[in-house]
Amino acid sequence: MLYWTLVFLVVAVIAGALGFGGIAGASAGIAQILFFIFFAFLVISLIAGLLRRAG
């Protein structure tokens, strides 16, 4: 679970850096969507990991 959390974090950071940096105008919207999707996956993974440890 931690592996996928880190993978999603790295992909989100890369997508955010490419989209928000203005490298390609067309990819900015896609990068923002991917950033928020992967950030949501990161939060869900962290919550699931905490709940699994608590239970």
PDB file of N, CA and C in Angstrom:
ATOM      1  N   MET A   1       0.836  -1.192   0.000  1.00  0.00           N
ATOM      2  CA  MET A   1       0.000   0.000   0.000  1.00  0.00           C
ATOM      3  C   MET A   1       0.877   1.249   0.000  1.00  0.00           C
ATOM      4  N   LEU A   2       1.937   1.235   0.764  1.00  0.00           N
ATOM      5  CA  LEU A   2       2.829   2.396   0.814  1.00  0.00           C
ATOM      6  C   LEU A   2       3.516   2.609  -0.529  1.00  0.00           C
ATOM      7  N   TYR A   3       3.827   1.526  -1.221  1.00  0.00           N
ATOM      8  CA  TYR A   3       4.449   1.631  -2.544  1.00  0.00           C
ATOM      9  C   TYR A   3       3.547   2.403  -3.509  1.00  0.00           C
ATOM     10  N   TRP A   4       2.268   2.031  -3.546  1.00  0.00           N
ATOM     11  CA  TRP A   4       1.337   2.709  -4.453  1.00  0.00           C
ATOM     12  C   TRP A   4       1.119   4.161  -4.044  1.00  0.00           C
ATOM     13  N   THR A   5       1.141   4.427  -2.753  1.00  0.00           N
ATOM     14  CA  THR A   5       1.020   5.806  -2.283  1.00  0.00           C
ATOM     15  C   THR A   5       2.177   6.646  -2.810  1.00  0.00           C
ATOM     16  N   LEU A   6       3.388   6.116  -2.726  1.00  0.00           N
ATOM     17  CA  LEU A   6       4.550   6.842  -3.222  1.00  0.00           C
ATOM     18  C   LEU A   6       4.524   6.980  -4.741  1.00  0.00           C
ATOM     19  N   VAL A   7       4.067   5.938  -5.437  1.00  0.00           N
ATOM     20  CA  VAL A   7       3.956   6.022  -6.898  1.00  0.00           C
ATOM     21  C   VAL A   7       2.975   7.114  -7.286  1.00  0.00           C
ATOM     22  N   PHE A   8       1.808   7.150  -6.645  1.00  0.00           N
ATOM     23  CA  PHE A   8       0.819   8.171  -6.950  1.00  0.00           C
ATOM     24  C   PHE A   8       1.345   9.565  -6.617  1.00  0.00           C
ATOM     25  N   LEU A   9       2.090   9.675  -5.539  1.00  0.00           N
ATOM     26  CA  LEU A   9       2.654  10.971  -5.165  1.00  0.00           C
ATOM     27  C   LEU A   9       3.649  11.458  -6.216  1.00  0.00           C
ATOM     28  N   VAL A  10       4.539  10.584  -6.665  1.00  0.00           N
ATOM     29  CA  VAL A  10       5.540  10.960  -7.664  1.00  0.00           C
ATOM     30  C   VAL A  10       4.864  11.345  -8.978  1.00  0.00           C
ATOM     31  N   VAL A  11       3.892  10.562  -9.417  1.00  0.00           N
ATOM     32  CA  VAL A  11       3.190  10.874 -10.663  1.00  0.00           C
ATOM     33  C   VAL A  11       2.440  12.197 -10.539  1.00  0.00           C
ATOM     34  N   ALA A  12       1.832  12.443  -9.400  1.00  0.00           N
ATOM     35  CA  ALA A  12       1.103  13.699  -9.193  1.00  0.00           C
ATOM     36  C   ALA A  12       2.050  14.889  -9.209  1.00  0.00           C
ATOM     37  N   VAL A  13       3.208  14.753  -8.588  1.00  0.00           N
ATOM     38  CA  VAL A  13       4.171  15.849  -8.578  1.00  0.00           C
ATOM     39  C   VAL A  13       4.688  16.125  -9.990  1.00  0.00           C
ATOM     40  N   ILE A  14       4.995  15.067 -10.741  1.00  0.00           N
ATOM     41  CA  ILE A  14       5.472  15.245 -12.114  1.00  0.00           C
ATOM     42  C   ILE A  14       4.386  15.883 -12.981  1.00  0.00           C
ATOM     43  N   ALA A  15       3.159  15.379 -12.869  1.00  0.00           N
ATOM     44  CA  ALA A  15       2.062  15.942 -13.667  1.00  0.00           C
ATOM     45  C   ALA A  15       1.810  17.395 -13.289  1.00  0.00           C
ATOM     46  N   GLY A  16       1.866  17.701 -12.023  1.00  0.00           N
ATOM     47  CA  GLY A  16       1.667  19.076 -11.583  1.00  0.00           C
ATOM     48  C   GLY A  16       2.773  19.999 -12.059  1.00  0.00           C
ATOM     49  N   ALA A  17       4.015  19.534 -12.002  1.00  0.00           N
ATOM     50  CA  ALA A  17       5.146  20.368 -12.434  1.00  0.00           C
ATOM     51  C   ALA A  17       5.074  20.646 -13.928  1.00  0.00           C
ATOM     52  N   LEU A  18       4.711  19.660 -14.720  1.00  0.00           N
ATOM     53  CA  LEU A  18       4.626  19.861 -16.165  1.00  0.00           C
ATOM     54  C   LEU A  18       3.456  20.758 -16.536  1.00  0.00           C
ATOM     55  N   GLY A  19       2.342  20.586 -15.870  1.00  0.00           N
ATOM     56  CA  GLY A  19       1.152  21.355 -16.225  1.00  0.00           C
ATOM     57  C   GLY A  19       1.177  22.769 -15.693  1.00  0.00           C
ATOM     58  N   PHE A  20       1.603  22.941 -14.448  1.00  0.00           N
ATOM     59  CA  PHE A  20       1.562  24.258 -13.832  1.00  0.00           C
ATOM     60  C   PHE A  20       2.757  25.115 -14.252  1.00  0.00           C
ATOM     61  N   GLY A  21       3.807  24.519 -14.792  1.00  0.00           N
ATOM     62  CA  GLY A  21       4.981  25.272 -15.197  1.00  0.00           C
ATOM     63  C   GLY A  21       4.830  25.951 -16.531  1.00  0.00           C
ATOM     64  N   GLY A  22       3.792  25.662 -17.265  1.00  0.00           N
ATOM     65  CA  GLY A  22       3.552  26.293 -18.549  1.00  0.00           C
ATOM     66  C   GLY A  22       4.337  25.684 -19.689  1.00  0.00           C
ATOM     67  N   ILE A  23       4.815  24.450 -19.544  1.00  0.00           N
ATOM     68  CA  ILE A  23       5.587  23.798 -20.608  1.00  0.00           C
ATOM     69  C   ILE A  23       4.696  23.555 -21.827  1.00  0.00           C
ATOM     70  N   ALA A  24       3.495  23.059 -21.596  1.00  0.00           N
ATOM     71  CA  ALA A  24       2.556  22.829 -22.694  1.00  0.00           C
ATOM     72  C   ALA A  24       1.185  23.280 -22.230  1.00  0.00           C
ATOM     73  N   GLY A  25       0.619  24.214 -22.952  1.00  0.00           N
ATOM     74  CA  GLY A  25      -0.674  24.769 -22.564  1.00  0.00           C
ATOM     75  C   GLY A  25      -1.791  23.744 -22.617  1.00  0.00           C
ATOM     76  N   ALA A  26      -1.742  22.858 -23.585  1.00  0.00           N
ATOM     77  CA  ALA A  26      -2.798  21.863 -23.726  1.00  0.00           C
ATOM     78  C   ALA A  26      -2.764  20.831 -22.606  1.00  0.00           C
ATOM     79  N   SER A  27      -1.571  20.560 -22.070  1.00  0.00           N
ATOM     80  CA  SER A  27      -1.463  19.543 -21.033  1.00  0.00           C
ATOM     81  C   SER A  27      -1.749  20.095 -19.636  1.00  0.00           C
ATOM     82  N   ALA A  28      -1.927  21.401 -19.518  1.00  0.00           N
ATOM     83  CA  ALA A  28      -2.152  21.994 -18.205  1.00  0.00           C
ATOM     84  C   ALA A  28      -3.438  21.485 -17.570  1.00  0.00           C
ATOM     85  N   GLY A  29      -4.507  21.427 -18.338  1.00  0.00           N
ATOM     86  CA  GLY A  29      -5.776  20.929 -17.797  1.00  0.00           C
ATOM     87  C   GLY A  29      -5.692  19.464 -17.415  1.00  0.00           C
ATOM     88  N   ILE A  30      -5.061  18.670 -18.271  1.00  0.00           N
ATOM     89  CA  ILE A  30      -4.908  17.242 -17.983  1.00  0.00           C
ATOM     90  C   ILE A  30      -4.038  17.047 -16.748  1.00  0.00           C
ATOM     91  N   ALA A  31      -2.978  17.817 -16.642  1.00  0.00           N
ATOM     92  CA  ALA A  31      -2.087  17.693 -15.484  1.00  0.00           C
ATOM     93  C   ALA A  31      -2.808  18.066 -14.195  1.00  0.00           C
ATOM     94  N   GLN A  32      -3.639  19.081 -14.252  1.00  0.00           N
ATOM     95  CA  GLN A  32      -4.384  19.466 -13.054  1.00  0.00           C
ATOM     96  C   GLN A  32      -5.346  18.367 -12.643  1.00  0.00           C
ATOM     97  N   ILE A  33      -6.036  17.778 -13.612  1.00  0.00           N
ATOM     98  CA  ILE A  33      -6.956  16.683 -13.305  1.00  0.00           C
ATOM     99  C   ILE A  33      -6.199  15.510 -12.709  1.00  0.00           C
ATOM    100  N   LEU A  34      -5.068  15.133 -13.339  1.00  0.00           N
ATOM    101  CA  LEU A  34      -4.267  14.021 -12.818  1.00  0.00           C
ATOM    102  C   LEU A  34      -3.721  14.327 -11.430  1.00  0.00           C
ATOM    103  N   PHE A  35      -3.306  15.562 -11.209  1.00  0.00           N
ATOM    104  CA  PHE A  35      -2.785  15.945  -9.911  1.00  0.00           C
ATOM    105  C   PHE A  35      -3.828  15.720  -8.826  1.00  0.00           C
ATOM    106  N   PHE A  36      -5.059  16.181  -9.053  1.00  0.00           N
ATOM    107  CA  PHE A  36      -6.086  16.039  -8.033  1.00  0.00           C
ATOM    108  C   PHE A  36      -6.551  14.592  -7.875  1.00  0.00           C
ATOM    109  N   ILE A  37      -6.576  13.843  -8.974  1.00  0.00           N
ATOM    110  CA  ILE A  37      -6.937  12.421  -8.877  1.00  0.00           C
ATOM    111  C   ILE A  37      -5.901  11.674  -8.046  1.00  0.00           C
ATOM    112  N   PHE A  38      -4.624  11.868  -8.367  1.00  0.00           N
ATOM    113  CA  PHE A  38      -3.580  11.159  -7.638  1.00  0.00           C
ATOM    114  C   PHE A  38      -3.438  11.656  -6.210  1.00  0.00           C
ATOM    115  N   PHE A  39      -3.723  12.927  -5.978  1.00  0.00           N
ATOM    116  CA  PHE A  39      -3.714  13.433  -4.605  1.00  0.00           C
ATOM    117  C   PHE A  39      -4.840  12.782  -3.804  1.00  0.00           C
ATOM    118  N   ALA A  40      -6.010  12.598  -4.427  1.00  0.00           N
ATOM    119  CA  ALA A  40      -7.114  11.914  -3.757  1.00  0.00           C
ATOM    120  C   ALA A  40      -6.725  10.465  -3.451  1.00  0.00           C
ATOM    121  N   PHE A  41      -6.051   9.795  -4.413  1.00  0.00           N
ATOM    122  CA  PHE A  41      -5.586   8.426  -4.175  1.00  0.00           C
ATOM    123  C   PHE A  41      -4.589   8.392  -3.018  1.00  0.00           C
ATOM    124  N   LEU A  42      -3.730   9.382  -2.946  1.00  0.00           N
ATOM    125  CA  LEU A  42      -2.763   9.457  -1.851  1.00  0.00           C
ATOM    126  C   LEU A  42      -3.468   9.578  -0.506  1.00  0.00           C
ATOM    127  N   VAL A  43      -4.440  10.468  -0.429  1.00  0.00           N
ATOM    128  CA  VAL A  43      -5.171  10.660   0.825  1.00  0.00           C
ATOM    129  C   VAL A  43      -5.940   9.400   1.198  1.00  0.00           C
ATOM    130  N   ILE A  44      -6.598   8.786   0.229  1.00  0.00           N
ATOM    131  CA  ILE A  44      -7.350   7.553   0.491  1.00  0.00           C
ATOM    132  C   ILE A  44      -6.409   6.446   0.958  1.00  0.00           C
ATOM    133  N   SER A  45      -5.245   6.334   0.317  1.00  0.00           N
ATOM    134  CA  SER A  45      -4.280   5.302   0.707  1.00  0.00           C
ATOM    135  C   SER A  45      -3.756   5.532   2.121  1.00  0.00           C
ATOM    136  N   LEU A  46      -3.481   6.784   2.456  1.00  0.00           N
ATOM    137  CA  LEU A  46      -3.002   7.080   3.804  1.00  0.00           C
ATOM    138  C   LEU A  46      -4.073   6.776   4.849  1.00  0.00           C
ATOM    139  N   ILE A  47      -5.310   7.141   4.578  1.00  0.00           N
ATOM    140  CA  ILE A  47      -6.405   6.864   5.516  1.00  0.00           C
ATOM    141  C   ILE A  47      -6.610   5.362   5.663  1.00  0.00           C
ATOM    142  N   ALA A  48      -6.575   4.636   4.533  1.00  0.00           N
ATOM    143  CA  ALA A  48      -6.741   3.181   4.590  1.00  0.00           C
ATOM    144  C   ALA A  48      -5.603   2.545   5.390  1.00  0.00           C
ATOM    145  N   GLY A  49      -4.383   3.039   5.207  1.00  0.00           N
ATOM    146  CA  GLY A  49      -3.257   2.513   5.967  1.00  0.00           C
ATOM    147  C   GLY A  49      -3.383   2.769   7.453  1.00  0.00           C
ATOM    148  N   LEU A  50      -3.863   3.954   7.799  1.00  0.00           N
ATOM    149  CA  LEU A  50      -4.067   4.265   9.232  1.00  0.00           C
ATOM    150  C   LEU A  50      -5.181   3.418   9.828  1.00  0.00           C
ATOM    151  N   LEU A  51      -6.255   3.234   9.086  1.00  0.00           N
ATOM    152  CA  LEU A  51      -7.358   2.411   9.593  1.00  0.00           C
ATOM    153  C   LEU A  51      -6.949   0.948   9.727  1.00  0.00           C
ATOM    154  N   ARG A  52      -6.107   0.488   8.798  1.00  0.00           N
ATOM    155  CA  ARG A  52      -5.651  -0.899   8.863  1.00  0.00           C
ATOM    156  C   ARG A  52      -4.758  -1.132  10.081  1.00  0.00           C
ATOM    157  N   ARG A  53      -3.938  -0.138  10.406  1.00  0.00           N
ATOM    158  CA  ARG A  53      -3.060  -0.263  11.581  1.00  0.00           C
ATOM    159  C   ARG A  53      -3.867  -0.160  12.874  1.00  0.00           C
ATOM    160  N   ALA A  54      -4.898   0.670  12.888  1.00  0.00           N
ATOM    161  CA  ALA A  54      -5.695   0.858  14.101  1.00  0.00           C
ATOM    162  C   ALA A  54      -6.572  -0.348  14.378  1.00  0.00           C
ATOM    163  N   GLY A  55      -6.954  -1.055  13.325  1.00  0.00           N
ATOM    164  CA  GLY A  55      -7.874  -2.193  13.497  1.00  0.00           C
ATOM    165  C   GLY A  55      -7.197  -3.441  13.743  1.00  0.00           C
TER     166      GLY A  55
END
